[in-house]
Amino acid sequence: MDIKQSRPVLTVSQLNKQARLTIEERFQLIWVTGELSNFARPRSGHWYFTLKDTGAQVRCAMFANSNRRVQMQPADGQQVLVRGRVSLYEGRGDFQIIADQMEPAGEGVLRQAFDALKIKLADEGLFDRDRKQSIPDLPKHIAVVTSPTGAALQDVLAVWQRRFPILKVTVIPTAVQGPEAESQVLNALNAASKLAPDAILLTRGGGSLEDLWTFNLESVARAVASIQIPIVSAIGHEIDIAITDFVADLRAPTPSVAAELMVPDGQEMLQNIDGEFRHLNVLMASQLREHQLTLDKLNLRLVSPESYLQQAWMRLDDIASRLQRSAGQTLAGANNQLDNLGARLSNQSPSFALATAKEKLQRLKNGLDSGINRHLQSQTNSVAIMARMLDGMSPLHTLGRGYAFIRDNANALVTKTEYAKVGDSVTAQLQDGTIAATVTGITKQTNPLSQTDTDNV
């Protein structure tokens, strides 16, 4: 038997694939800290970068569906904490980390402590749904554990005053951050429990992970879990999550929302269906938290099927890069050809002929303007002459010398004695107006021009 034929022979692709599967099966989710370098963000939206320290470096990829949740702007030189899976990019045989979470290194230490305590308490059953107490639908007395000077308390009181003004509220003041906050919160929770209210609200406003750290302490979490009175946790804003949110009977995204969830609305009390709907929301939220915890546990043991798709994404980015370089070279050649054609066209430019034509056009325009002005002046003179002639022929000059026009009742001119008779009413038109008269006598003249006597009118 040929020894060479009996040896298993792998292609490079087969080798890289088996190596990737072995690495991904060996490593689960890991946290790695280091300095960012060679950060790149192609058009696909994925991130590619290198994590390094003084002794080594490792390539990393963070795909768009994960990096859109990152609340920082990555840049070379930053110290970060990255969570992800160890893998191998088969196309180049590169050992790498497929990251799904990134945060500044200082906050990352707190995040690690947060995740460790979360898993610990979940394994003990402190997050289980069956130990959650129902928030009373119609509470009479609620104790609030919070800072007396914070905006959260004012928001809560404003909501209760609007929705349920008959509620009795007792404020247990405490510091919510700083060295003394842990002991004060524990004392305040103990004092609130002794009051035996219908429910307790533990709340504060938003802040950084470090600002909210009092509510991620194990001592505070266990104190909340041990209280036999229904307790609502509303720490920070919607995006803020604290350990007390998981151990409390109800988690609200903001103090105002918590206030609304803990008391009924005066109008909605008349509609039972609205009350049932709120109760269903509470049950669904609790169930979702339980399923999310179960899913997180399973995800730690599950090799994600996304790895195949992520490999394809990286190959696609490689092809896109090569295509971009090729397109750039083609475009550069086209630009050179365009420059050559532009130079040839410039040598044959009609600009000189165009300038000559413009000069000729200007001369013609000047001549046309001069001719129009001469014609207008000639016409103006003609009009002036005709106006003087017309003025000379005007009867107004004759009337000014004492003559008058006589008109009958039909407004016709009376130019002869035969056109009028005694008793007719006539109108004499003078230069400055008219005179109404009656004919009292008529005398005919042989030579009217030598007669100086006038008719009696």
Protein backbone atom coordinates (compact mmCIF):
# COMPACT_ATOMS: atom_id res chain seq x y z
CA MET A 1 0.00 0.00 0.00
CA ASP A 2 1.35 3.43 -0.98
CA ILE A 3 2.06 5.45 2.15
CA LYS A 4 1.63 8.74 0.26
CA GLN A 5 -1.85 7.73 -0.91
CA SER A 6 -2.92 6.86 2.66
CA ARG A 7 -2.02 10.29 4.06
CA PRO A 8 -4.99 12.67 4.46
CA VAL A 9 -4.40 15.71 2.27
CA LEU A 10 -6.31 18.94 2.92
CA THR A 11 -6.77 21.91 0.69
CA VAL A 12 -6.00 25.30 2.14
CA SER A 13 -9.74 26.09 2.32
CA GLN A 14 -10.44 22.83 4.17
CA LEU A 15 -7.61 23.49 6.60
CA ASN A 16 -8.77 27.04 7.37
CA LYS A 17 -12.38 25.92 7.79
CA GLN A 18 -11.43 23.14 10.23
CA ALA A 19 -9.19 25.53 12.14
CA ARG A 20 -12.02 28.07 12.40
CA LEU A 21 -14.49 25.48 13.67
CA THR A 22 -11.97 24.21 16.22
CA ILE A 23 -11.23 27.71 17.50
CA GLU A 24 -14.92 28.67 17.74
CA GLU A 25 -15.76 25.45 19.61
CA ARG A 26 -12.86 25.92 22.01
CA PHE A 27 -13.61 29.55 22.94
CA GLN A 28 -16.91 30.95 24.14
CA LEU A 29 -17.64 34.65 24.64
CA ILE A 30 -14.52 36.41 25.91
CA TRP A 31 -13.59 39.91 27.08
CA VAL A 32 -10.34 41.40 25.76
CA THR A 33 -8.85 44.78 26.60
CA GLY A 34 -6.26 46.64 24.57
CA GLU A 35 -5.43 49.70 22.49
CA LEU A 36 -7.33 50.39 19.26
CA SER A 37 -5.28 50.74 16.07
CA ASN A 38 -5.79 50.51 12.29
CA PHE A 39 -9.49 51.31 12.74
CA ALA A 40 -11.40 51.15 9.39
CA ARG A 41 -15.06 51.63 8.54
CA PRO A 42 -15.87 50.66 4.89
CA ARG A 43 -19.15 51.54 3.16
CA SER A 44 -20.70 48.26 4.33
CA GLY A 45 -20.89 49.77 7.85
CA HIS A 46 -18.74 47.00 9.41
CA TRP A 47 -15.74 47.89 11.60
CA TYR A 48 -12.28 46.37 11.23
CA PHE A 49 -9.52 47.16 13.71
CA THR A 50 -6.59 45.79 15.69
CA LEU A 51 -6.30 45.39 19.47
CA LYS A 52 -2.77 45.53 20.79
CA ASP A 53 -0.72 45.76 23.94
CA THR A 54 3.04 45.96 24.50
CA GLY A 55 3.58 42.29 23.59
CA ALA A 56 1.05 41.27 20.92
CA GLN A 57 -1.86 42.25 18.72
CA VAL A 58 -4.99 40.61 17.31
CA ARG A 59 -7.26 41.56 14.40
CA CYS A 60 -10.95 42.22 15.12
CA ALA A 61 -14.17 42.65 13.15
CA MET A 62 -17.42 44.17 14.41
CA PHE A 63 -20.36 43.94 12.05
CA ALA A 64 -22.97 46.66 11.50
CA ASN A 65 -25.75 44.88 13.38
CA SER A 66 -23.55 44.96 16.50
CA ASN A 67 -21.60 48.23 16.23
CA ARG A 68 -24.73 50.39 15.91
CA ARG A 69 -25.33 49.71 19.62
CA VAL A 70 -21.90 51.01 20.69
CA GLN A 71 -22.21 54.26 22.63
CA MET A 72 -18.75 55.63 21.85
CA GLN A 73 -16.81 56.91 18.85
CA PRO A 74 -13.87 54.52 18.29
CA ALA A 75 -10.52 56.04 17.36
CA ASP A 76 -6.93 54.82 17.15
CA GLY A 77 -5.13 54.99 20.49
CA GLN A 78 -8.20 54.44 22.69
CA GLN A 79 -8.09 51.85 25.47
CA VAL A 80 -11.23 49.73 25.07
CA LEU A 81 -12.84 46.58 26.38
CA VAL A 82 -14.24 44.29 23.69
CA ARG A 83 -16.52 41.28 24.05
CA GLY A 84 -16.75 38.70 21.27
CA ARG A 85 -16.02 35.28 19.84
CA VAL A 86 -12.63 34.03 18.74
CA SER A 87 -12.70 32.98 15.08
CA LEU A 88 -10.65 32.68 11.89
CA TYR A 89 -11.21 34.50 8.61
CA GLU A 90 -10.93 31.62 6.14
CA GLY A 91 -10.17 33.82 3.13
CA ARG A 92 -6.77 34.86 4.52
CA GLY A 93 -6.28 32.51 7.42
CA ASP A 94 -6.30 35.45 9.85
CA PHE A 95 -6.86 34.74 13.54
CA GLN A 96 -9.40 37.28 14.75
CA ILE A 97 -12.15 38.27 17.20
CA ILE A 98 -15.73 38.80 16.04
CA ALA A 99 -16.79 41.55 18.49
CA ASP A 100 -20.37 42.23 19.56
CA GLN A 101 -19.77 44.82 22.29
CA MET A 102 -17.25 47.63 22.86
CA GLU A 103 -16.85 50.15 25.65
CA PRO A 104 -14.12 52.31 27.21
CA ALA A 105 -11.71 50.24 29.27
CA GLY A 106 -12.46 52.05 32.56
CA GLU A 107 -16.19 51.44 32.25
CA GLY A 108 -15.48 47.97 30.99
CA VAL A 109 -14.15 46.87 34.39
CA LEU A 110 -17.45 47.88 35.95
CA ARG A 111 -19.33 46.14 33.13
CA GLN A 112 -17.44 42.92 33.82
CA ALA A 113 -18.36 43.15 37.49
CA PHE A 114 -21.97 43.88 36.49
CA ASP A 115 -22.18 40.80 34.24
CA ALA A 116 -20.52 38.57 36.83
CA LEU A 117 -22.95 39.61 39.58
CA LYS A 118 -25.89 39.30 37.19
CA ILE A 119 -25.00 35.69 36.37
CA LYS A 120 -24.37 34.88 40.02
CA LEU A 121 -27.73 36.19 41.23
CA ALA A 122 -29.57 34.66 38.29
CA ASP A 123 -28.11 31.25 39.13
CA GLU A 124 -29.37 31.70 42.68
CA GLY A 125 -32.90 32.31 41.35
CA LEU A 126 -33.20 35.92 42.51
CA PHE A 127 -34.46 36.94 39.05
CA ASP A 128 -37.07 34.16 38.82
CA ARG A 129 -40.59 35.16 37.96
CA ASP A 130 -42.21 32.97 40.61
CA ARG A 131 -40.74 35.11 43.40
CA LYS A 132 -42.02 38.37 41.92
CA GLN A 133 -44.78 40.09 43.88
CA SER A 134 -47.65 41.85 42.14
CA ILE A 135 -47.87 45.60 42.42
CA PRO A 136 -51.26 46.48 44.03
CA ASP A 137 -53.79 47.91 41.59
CA LEU A 138 -55.11 50.45 44.09
CA PRO A 139 -52.35 51.38 46.56
CA LYS A 140 -53.12 53.70 49.47
CA HIS A 141 -49.57 54.28 50.71
CA ILE A 142 -46.24 54.21 48.80
CA ALA A 143 -42.77 54.78 50.24
CA VAL A 144 -40.18 56.39 47.94
CA VAL A 145 -36.47 55.73 48.50
CA THR A 146 -34.53 58.40 46.59
CA SER A 147 -32.58 61.64 46.87
CA PRO A 148 -34.80 64.42 48.27
CA THR A 149 -33.15 66.99 45.97
CA GLY A 150 -33.18 64.98 42.74
CA ALA A 151 -35.39 65.64 39.71
CA ALA A 152 -36.65 62.04 39.86
CA LEU A 153 -38.63 62.72 43.04
CA GLN A 154 -40.26 65.82 41.56
CA ASP A 155 -41.24 63.90 38.41
CA VAL A 156 -42.79 61.09 40.47
CA LEU A 157 -44.74 63.43 42.75
CA ALA A 158 -46.03 65.41 39.77
CA VAL A 159 -47.35 62.25 38.11
CA TRP A 160 -49.05 61.04 41.29
CA GLN A 161 -50.62 64.44 41.92
CA ARG A 162 -52.09 64.36 38.42
CA ARG A 163 -53.17 60.71 38.31
CA PHE A 164 -53.99 59.73 41.93
CA PRO A 165 -53.96 62.74 44.30
CA ILE A 166 -55.44 60.81 47.28
CA LEU A 167 -52.31 58.61 47.51
CA LYS A 168 -50.28 58.85 50.72
CA VAL A 169 -46.56 59.24 49.93
CA THR A 170 -43.65 58.89 52.37
CA VAL A 171 -40.20 59.96 51.12
CA ILE A 172 -37.22 58.14 52.68
CA PRO A 173 -34.24 60.40 51.83
CA THR A 174 -30.88 58.88 50.89
CA ALA A 175 -27.75 59.61 48.88
CA VAL A 176 -27.85 57.84 45.51
CA GLN A 177 -24.15 58.00 44.62
CA GLY A 178 -20.84 58.49 46.34
CA PRO A 179 -19.02 56.69 49.16
CA GLU A 180 -21.87 57.04 51.67
CA ALA A 181 -24.61 55.98 49.25
CA GLU A 182 -24.45 52.20 49.93
CA SER A 183 -25.06 52.43 53.67
CA GLN A 184 -27.71 55.14 53.32
CA VAL A 185 -29.66 53.18 50.67
CA LEU A 186 -29.59 50.03 52.86
CA ASN A 187 -30.86 52.02 55.87
CA ALA A 188 -33.54 53.70 53.76
CA LEU A 189 -34.80 50.35 52.41
CA ASN A 190 -34.98 48.97 55.94
CA ALA A 191 -36.90 52.05 57.12
CA ALA A 192 -39.31 51.83 54.20
CA SER A 193 -40.00 48.15 54.90
CA LYS A 194 -40.84 48.94 58.56
CA LEU A 195 -43.48 51.44 57.44
CA ALA A 196 -45.38 48.56 55.77
CA PRO A 197 -46.62 50.56 52.79
CA ASP A 198 -48.53 48.97 49.92
CA ALA A 199 -45.47 49.34 47.67
CA ILE A 200 -41.95 50.80 47.62
CA LEU A 201 -40.37 52.82 44.80
CA LEU A 202 -36.56 52.81 44.54
CA THR A 203 -35.53 55.46 42.03
CA ARG A 204 -33.01 58.03 40.86
CA GLY A 205 -32.22 60.02 37.70
CA GLY A 206 -29.89 59.01 34.90
CA GLY A 207 -26.11 59.04 34.82
CA SER A 208 -23.04 57.07 33.82
CA LEU A 209 -22.47 53.46 34.83
CA GLU A 210 -20.22 54.71 37.63
CA ASP A 211 -22.91 57.16 38.84
CA LEU A 212 -25.46 54.31 39.01
CA TRP A 213 -23.06 51.82 40.59
CA THR A 214 -24.71 51.91 44.05
CA PHE A 215 -27.67 50.06 42.52
CA ASN A 216 -25.34 47.40 41.05
CA LEU A 217 -23.85 46.46 44.43
CA GLU A 218 -24.55 42.96 45.72
CA SER A 219 -25.55 44.22 49.15
CA VAL A 220 -28.19 46.55 47.72
CA ALA A 221 -29.48 43.90 45.32
CA ARG A 222 -29.89 41.34 48.11
CA ALA A 223 -31.62 43.93 50.32
CA VAL A 224 -34.13 44.64 47.55
CA ALA A 225 -34.69 40.91 47.01
CA SER A 226 -35.32 40.30 50.73
CA ILE A 227 -38.07 42.93 51.10
CA GLN A 228 -41.52 41.30 51.41
CA ILE A 229 -43.32 44.40 50.15
CA PRO A 230 -43.76 44.88 46.37
CA ILE A 231 -40.90 47.07 45.16
CA VAL A 232 -40.44 48.90 41.86
CA SER A 233 -36.98 49.80 40.57
CA ALA A 234 -36.64 52.83 38.25
CA ILE A 235 -32.95 53.67 37.94
CA GLY A 236 -31.87 56.22 35.35
CA HIS A 237 -33.22 56.53 31.84
CA GLU A 238 -34.57 53.93 29.42
CA ILE A 239 -31.11 52.81 28.29
CA ASP A 240 -29.83 52.37 31.88
CA ILE A 241 -30.05 48.89 33.44
CA ALA A 242 -29.18 48.16 37.09
CA ILE A 243 -28.99 44.89 39.04
CA THR A 244 -31.83 46.14 41.23
CA ASP A 245 -34.02 46.17 38.10
CA PHE A 246 -33.70 42.38 37.87
CA VAL A 247 -34.31 41.56 41.55
CA ALA A 248 -37.15 44.05 42.01
CA ASP A 249 -40.74 43.01 41.46
CA LEU A 250 -41.04 45.48 38.58
CA ARG A 251 -38.57 47.48 36.53
CA ALA A 252 -39.64 50.79 34.99
CA PRO A 253 -37.57 52.57 32.31
CA THR A 254 -37.87 56.03 33.97
CA PRO A 255 -39.08 57.44 37.30
CA SER A 256 -42.11 59.01 35.60
CA VAL A 257 -43.12 55.71 34.00
CA ALA A 258 -42.72 53.98 37.36
CA ALA A 259 -45.05 56.51 38.96
CA GLU A 260 -47.63 55.87 36.26
CA LEU A 261 -47.35 52.09 36.61
CA MET A 262 -47.78 52.11 40.38
CA VAL A 263 -51.06 54.03 40.57
CA PRO A 264 -54.22 53.93 38.44
CA ASP A 265 -55.50 56.85 36.44
CA GLY A 266 -58.65 58.46 37.81
CA GLN A 267 -60.48 58.10 34.51
CA GLU A 268 -59.16 54.65 33.70
CA MET A 269 -60.48 53.27 36.97
CA LEU A 270 -63.91 53.30 35.29
CA GLN A 271 -62.63 51.01 32.52
CA ASN A 272 -61.71 47.55 33.79
CA ILE A 273 -60.25 46.53 30.48
CA ASP A 274 -57.48 49.11 30.83
CA GLY A 275 -56.56 47.72 34.24
CA GLU A 276 -56.38 44.17 32.79
CA PHE A 277 -54.19 45.43 29.98
CA ARG A 278 -51.67 46.95 32.41
CA HIS A 279 -51.60 43.70 34.40
CA LEU A 280 -50.92 41.76 31.19
CA ASN A 281 -48.04 44.11 30.35
CA VAL A 282 -46.46 43.46 33.75
CA LEU A 283 -46.71 39.68 33.27
CA MET A 284 -45.31 39.87 29.73
CA ALA A 285 -42.37 42.04 30.82
CA SER A 286 -41.52 39.61 33.63
CA GLN A 287 -41.78 36.64 31.27
CA LEU A 288 -39.59 38.34 28.68
CA ARG A 289 -36.91 38.99 31.32
CA GLU A 290 -36.95 35.32 32.28
CA HIS A 291 -36.69 34.18 28.68
CA GLN A 292 -33.93 36.71 28.01
CA LEU A 293 -31.90 35.31 30.90
CA THR A 294 -32.42 31.77 29.59
CA LEU A 295 -31.44 32.86 26.11
CA ASP A 296 -28.27 34.54 27.42
CA LYS A 297 -27.29 31.30 29.15
CA LEU A 298 -27.91 29.23 26.01
CA ASN A 299 -26.06 31.76 23.88
CA LEU A 300 -22.91 31.18 25.91
CA ARG A 301 -22.90 27.55 24.74
CA LEU A 302 -24.18 28.06 21.22
CA VAL A 303 -21.92 28.51 18.21
CA SER A 304 -23.69 31.27 16.31
CA PRO A 305 -24.82 30.43 12.74
CA GLU A 306 -24.01 34.04 11.91
CA SER A 307 -20.36 33.09 11.53
CA TYR A 308 -20.98 31.79 8.01
CA LEU A 309 -22.71 35.01 7.04
CA GLN A 310 -19.95 37.05 8.66
CA GLN A 311 -17.34 35.21 6.59
CA ALA A 312 -19.28 36.13 3.48
CA TRP A 313 -19.46 39.76 4.65
CA MET A 314 -15.70 39.90 4.99
CA ARG A 315 -15.19 38.36 1.53
CA LEU A 316 -17.63 40.88 0.12
CA ASP A 317 -15.67 43.73 1.72
CA ASP A 318 -12.46 42.37 0.12
CA ILE A 319 -14.10 42.22 -3.32
CA ALA A 320 -15.56 45.71 -2.84
CA SER A 321 -12.10 47.06 -2.01
CA ARG A 322 -10.56 45.50 -5.14
CA LEU A 323 -13.43 46.78 -7.27
CA GLN A 324 -12.98 50.27 -5.85
CA ARG A 325 -9.28 50.26 -6.69
CA SER A 326 -10.02 49.05 -10.25
CA ALA A 327 -12.68 51.69 -10.73
CA GLY A 328 -10.27 54.34 -9.50
CA GLN A 329 -7.63 53.32 -12.07
CA THR A 330 -10.22 53.35 -14.88
CA LEU A 331 -11.42 56.77 -13.80
CA ALA A 332 -7.87 58.12 -13.71
CA GLY A 333 -7.30 56.94 -17.31
CA ALA A 334 -10.52 58.57 -18.44
CA ASN A 335 -9.49 61.83 -16.74
CA ASN A 336 -6.14 61.81 -18.58
CA GLN A 337 -7.90 61.28 -21.90
CA LEU A 338 -10.30 64.09 -21.09
CA ASP A 339 -7.41 66.43 -20.29
CA ASN A 340 -5.78 65.64 -23.69
CA LEU A 341 -9.02 66.30 -25.55
CA GLY A 342 -9.47 69.55 -23.61
CA ALA A 343 -5.98 70.73 -24.64
CA ARG A 344 -6.70 69.95 -28.34
CA LEU A 345 -10.03 71.74 -28.18
CA SER A 346 -8.38 74.80 -26.58
CA ASN A 347 -5.95 75.05 -29.54
CA GLN A 348 -8.90 75.26 -31.96
CA SER A 349 -10.97 77.66 -29.86
CA PRO A 350 -13.27 80.09 -31.83
CA SER A 351 -12.77 82.76 -29.19
CA PHE A 352 -10.99 85.20 -31.62
CA ALA A 353 -13.77 85.02 -34.24
CA LEU A 354 -16.32 85.41 -31.47
CA ALA A 355 -14.57 88.55 -30.20
CA THR A 356 -14.56 90.08 -33.73
CA ALA A 357 -18.24 89.33 -34.14
CA LYS A 358 -18.98 90.96 -30.82
CA GLU A 359 -17.14 94.15 -31.89
CA LYS A 360 -19.08 94.27 -35.17
CA LEU A 361 -22.34 93.74 -33.33
CA GLN A 362 -21.50 96.62 -30.99
CA ARG A 363 -20.81 98.95 -33.95
CA LEU A 364 -24.12 98.01 -35.56
CA LYS A 365 -25.93 98.57 -32.29
CA ASN A 366 -24.36 102.03 -31.91
CA GLY A 367 -25.40 102.96 -35.46
CA LEU A 368 -28.93 101.69 -34.88
CA ASP A 369 -29.23 103.71 -31.68
CA SER A 370 -28.02 106.89 -33.50
CA GLY A 371 -30.52 106.36 -36.37
CA ILE A 372 -33.40 105.81 -34.00
CA ASN A 373 -32.55 109.02 -32.11
CA ARG A 374 -32.41 111.06 -35.35
CA HIS A 375 -35.75 109.64 -36.53
CA LEU A 376 -37.38 110.38 -33.18
CA GLN A 377 -36.08 114.00 -33.26
CA SER A 378 -37.47 114.50 -36.79
CA GLN A 379 -40.88 113.18 -35.81
CA THR A 380 -40.90 115.36 -32.69
CA ASN A 381 -40.26 118.47 -34.81
CA SER A 382 -43.07 117.52 -37.23
CA VAL A 383 -45.52 117.08 -34.40
CA ALA A 384 -44.58 120.52 -32.99
CA ILE A 385 -45.22 122.21 -36.38
CA MET A 386 -48.58 120.52 -36.79
CA ALA A 387 -49.56 121.54 -33.25
CA ARG A 388 -48.84 125.19 -34.05
CA MET A 389 -50.89 124.96 -37.27
CA LEU A 390 -53.78 123.37 -35.45
CA ASP A 391 -53.66 126.05 -32.78
CA GLY A 392 -53.83 128.75 -35.47
CA MET A 393 -56.98 127.19 -36.90
CA SER A 394 -58.72 126.95 -33.52
CA PRO A 395 -62.02 128.95 -33.23
CA LEU A 396 -61.08 129.93 -29.69
CA HIS A 397 -59.02 132.87 -31.04
CA THR A 398 -62.10 134.15 -32.95
CA LEU A 399 -64.27 133.88 -29.86
CA GLY A 400 -61.70 135.86 -27.93
CA ARG A 401 -62.29 138.86 -30.20
CA GLY A 402 -65.98 139.17 -29.18
CA TYR A 403 -67.62 136.74 -31.55
CA ALA A 404 -70.00 133.94 -30.50
CA PHE A 405 -71.43 130.70 -31.88
CA ILE A 406 -75.24 130.47 -31.78
CA ARG A 407 -76.82 127.00 -31.34
CA ASP A 408 -80.51 126.08 -31.40
CA ASN A 409 -82.31 123.60 -29.14
CA ALA A 410 -80.96 120.71 -31.31
CA ASN A 411 -77.41 121.99 -30.66
CA ALA A 412 -77.03 122.86 -34.35
CA LEU A 413 -75.16 126.04 -35.40
CA VAL A 414 -77.39 128.94 -36.48
CA THR A 415 -75.43 130.52 -39.35
CA LYS A 416 -78.33 132.29 -41.16
CA THR A 417 -81.40 134.28 -40.06
CA GLU A 418 -83.59 131.81 -41.87
CA TYR A 419 -82.53 129.09 -39.46
CA ALA A 420 -84.24 130.86 -36.53
CA LYS A 421 -87.60 132.48 -35.74
CA VAL A 422 -88.93 134.79 -33.07
CA GLY A 423 -89.44 132.96 -29.77
CA ASP A 424 -86.76 130.31 -30.32
CA SER A 425 -84.45 129.54 -27.38
CA VAL A 426 -80.81 129.65 -28.39
CA THR A 427 -77.40 129.29 -26.71
CA ALA A 428 -74.49 131.66 -27.39
CA GLN A 429 -71.02 130.06 -27.08
CA LEU A 430 -68.48 132.62 -25.90
CA GLN A 431 -64.75 132.13 -25.20
CA ASP A 432 -65.23 131.45 -21.50
CA GLY A 433 -68.76 129.94 -21.37
CA THR A 434 -72.31 130.01 -22.77
CA ILE A 435 -75.34 132.38 -22.54
CA ALA A 436 -78.97 131.19 -22.85
CA ALA A 437 -81.20 133.65 -24.84
CA THR A 438 -84.58 133.97 -26.62
CA VAL A 439 -85.01 135.41 -30.19
CA THR A 440 -87.21 138.52 -29.99
CA GLY A 441 -86.62 139.85 -33.48
CA ILE A 442 -84.93 138.99 -36.81
CA THR A 443 -83.56 141.51 -39.39
CA LYS A 444 -82.10 140.37 -42.69
CA GLN A 445 -79.19 142.33 -44.15
CA THR A 446 -78.16 142.75 -47.76
CA ASN A 447 -74.47 143.17 -46.89
CA PRO A 448 -73.90 141.71 -43.48
CA LEU A 449 -70.25 142.76 -43.41
CA SER A 450 -71.15 146.54 -43.55
CA GLN A 451 -73.95 146.32 -41.05
CA THR A 452 -72.99 147.45 -37.57
CA ASP A 453 -76.33 147.01 -35.89
CA THR A 454 -77.03 143.66 -34.25
CA ASP A 455 -80.23 141.70 -34.03
CA ASN A 456 -82.29 142.02 -30.92
CA VAL A 457 -81.81 138.89 -28.99
